[in-house]
Protein backbone atom coordinates (compact mmCIF):
# COMPACT_ATOMS: atom_id res chain seq x y z
CA MET A 1 -101.91 76.29 11.64
CA HIS A 2 -100.79 80.22 11.84
CA ALA A 3 -98.71 79.44 14.76
CA GLN A 4 -96.84 76.46 14.19
CA SER A 5 -95.85 77.78 10.92
CA VAL A 6 -94.21 81.01 12.53
CA LYS A 7 -92.78 78.10 15.33
CA THR A 8 -91.72 76.29 12.58
CA SER A 9 -89.63 79.36 10.78
CA GLN A 10 -88.26 80.98 14.33
CA THR A 11 -87.03 77.19 14.70
CA PHE A 12 -85.53 77.37 10.69
CA SER A 13 -84.30 80.46 12.11
CA ILE A 14 -82.69 79.95 14.86
CA ALA A 15 -81.34 76.68 13.62
CA SER A 16 -79.69 78.68 10.70
CA LYS A 17 -77.85 81.32 13.16
CA LEU A 18 -76.23 78.35 14.92
CA SER A 19 -74.41 77.01 11.78
CA HIS A 20 -73.42 80.70 10.47
CA ALA A 21 -71.73 80.86 14.03
CA TYR A 22 -70.59 77.20 14.36
CA GLN A 23 -68.77 78.21 10.33
CA ALA A 24 -67.50 81.24 11.64
CA HIS A 25 -65.86 79.94 14.87
CA SER A 26 -64.53 77.04 12.25
CA TYR A 27 -62.89 79.33 10.02
CA ARG A 28 -61.26 81.73 12.90
CA ILE A 29 -59.76 78.27 14.33
CA ALA A 30 -58.53 76.68 11.13
CA VAL A 31 -56.37 79.91 10.77
CA VAL A 32 -55.52 79.95 14.21
CA SER A 33 -54.62 76.39 13.97
CA ARG A 34 -52.31 77.63 10.16
CA PHE A 35 -50.63 80.30 12.27
CA LEU A 36 -49.51 78.11 14.68
CA ALA A 37 -48.55 75.33 12.23
CA ALA A 38 -46.80 78.29 10.49
CA ILE A 39 -44.86 79.67 13.40
CA VAL A 40 -44.15 77.02 15.38
CA GLY A 41 -44.11 74.06 13.46
CA GLY A 42 -42.45 75.61 10.60
CA TYR A 43 -40.03 76.92 13.33
CA VAL A 44 -39.09 74.05 15.29
CA PHE A 45 -39.04 71.94 11.43
CA THR A 46 -36.04 74.85 10.85
CA ALA A 47 -34.38 74.53 13.59
CA VAL A 48 -34.27 70.65 13.67
CA PHE A 49 -32.95 71.06 9.37
CA SER A 50 -30.47 73.36 10.09
CA SER A 51 -29.08 71.59 13.12
CA LEU A 52 -29.05 68.56 10.70
CA LEU A 53 -27.45 70.52 7.62
CA SER A 54 -24.50 71.83 9.98
CA ILE A 55 -23.80 68.19 10.85
CA ILE A 56 -23.84 66.48 7.16
CA LEU A 57 -22.30 69.47 5.10
CA PRO A 58 -19.20 68.84 3.92
CA LEU A 59 -17.68 71.93 4.96
CA LYS A 60 -15.17 73.11 7.91
CA LYS A 61 -17.35 73.40 10.87
CA SER A 62 -17.67 77.08 11.01
CA ASP A 63 -18.55 77.54 7.48
CA ALA A 64 -21.34 74.31 7.91
CA VAL A 65 -22.75 76.58 11.14
CA LEU A 66 -22.69 79.68 9.09
CA LEU A 67 -24.46 78.25 5.60
CA SER A 68 -27.29 76.67 7.50
CA ILE A 69 -27.77 79.24 9.60
CA SER A 70 -27.84 81.38 6.60
CA LEU A 71 -30.69 79.06 4.87
CA THR A 72 -32.84 78.79 7.93
CA ILE A 73 -34.48 82.55 6.07
CA PHE A 74 -35.33 80.71 3.13
CA ILE A 75 -36.03 77.68 4.89
CA TYR A 76 -38.83 79.27 6.90
CA SER A 77 -40.05 81.43 4.26
CA CYS A 78 -41.00 78.50 2.04
CA VAL A 79 -42.43 76.94 5.57
CA PHE A 80 -44.74 79.79 6.38
CA ILE A 81 -46.12 79.68 2.37
CA TRP A 82 -46.34 76.24 1.94
CA VAL A 83 -48.76 76.31 5.54
CA PHE A 84 -51.01 78.61 3.65
CA ALA A 85 -51.08 77.24 0.42
CA VAL A 86 -52.11 73.80 1.48
CA LYS A 87 -55.91 73.56 1.45
CA SER A 88 -55.90 70.31 3.88
CA LEU A 89 -55.19 71.19 7.63
CA THR A 90 -54.64 67.76 8.48
CA LYS A 91 -52.25 67.24 5.82
CA ILE A 92 -50.04 70.34 6.82
CA TRP A 93 -50.27 69.13 10.68
CA ILE A 94 -49.56 65.48 9.48
CA THR A 95 -45.81 66.73 7.00
CA ILE A 96 -44.77 69.16 9.52
CA LEU A 97 -44.54 66.41 12.56
CA LEU A 98 -43.49 63.82 10.59
CA THR A 99 -40.82 65.27 8.67
CA THR A 100 -39.56 66.87 11.66
CA THR A 101 -39.68 63.91 13.78
CA GLY A 102 -37.63 61.92 10.78
CA LEU A 103 -35.21 64.76 10.87
CA ALA A 104 -35.00 64.53 14.61
CA LEU A 105 -34.18 60.99 14.58
CA ILE A 106 -31.77 61.31 11.74
CA LEU A 107 -30.06 63.72 14.06
CA SER A 108 -29.60 61.90 17.04
CA LEU A 109 -28.68 58.67 15.31
CA LEU A 110 -26.20 61.30 13.48
CA LYS A 111 -25.06 62.63 17.15
CA GLY A 112 -25.29 59.58 18.53
CA TRP A 113 -27.43 60.41 21.07
CA LEU A 114 -29.73 57.20 20.45
């Protein structure tokens, strides 16, 4: 009877260690995914947004480009902060992908690419 209880406690110990290791790795993967969303997703979103902004601003072409490029620093910073402020990683990726796709679609329609 004693051998069976020792074996059971060892099984729970191994399961506990595996669970802890899985949680540690899933947390690391979530943080890396947030950094990728903030860095890569934020960059792509900001690039598409600034391109669209430079087209739709009712200014001279050079002034519109300068203003949109100046605003990219602010926009990129906001996206970076937002990625780490939202709890759901799925919501972050869906929002970045859908808004970037929508902006790229509007940009391509305005430029006549589609």
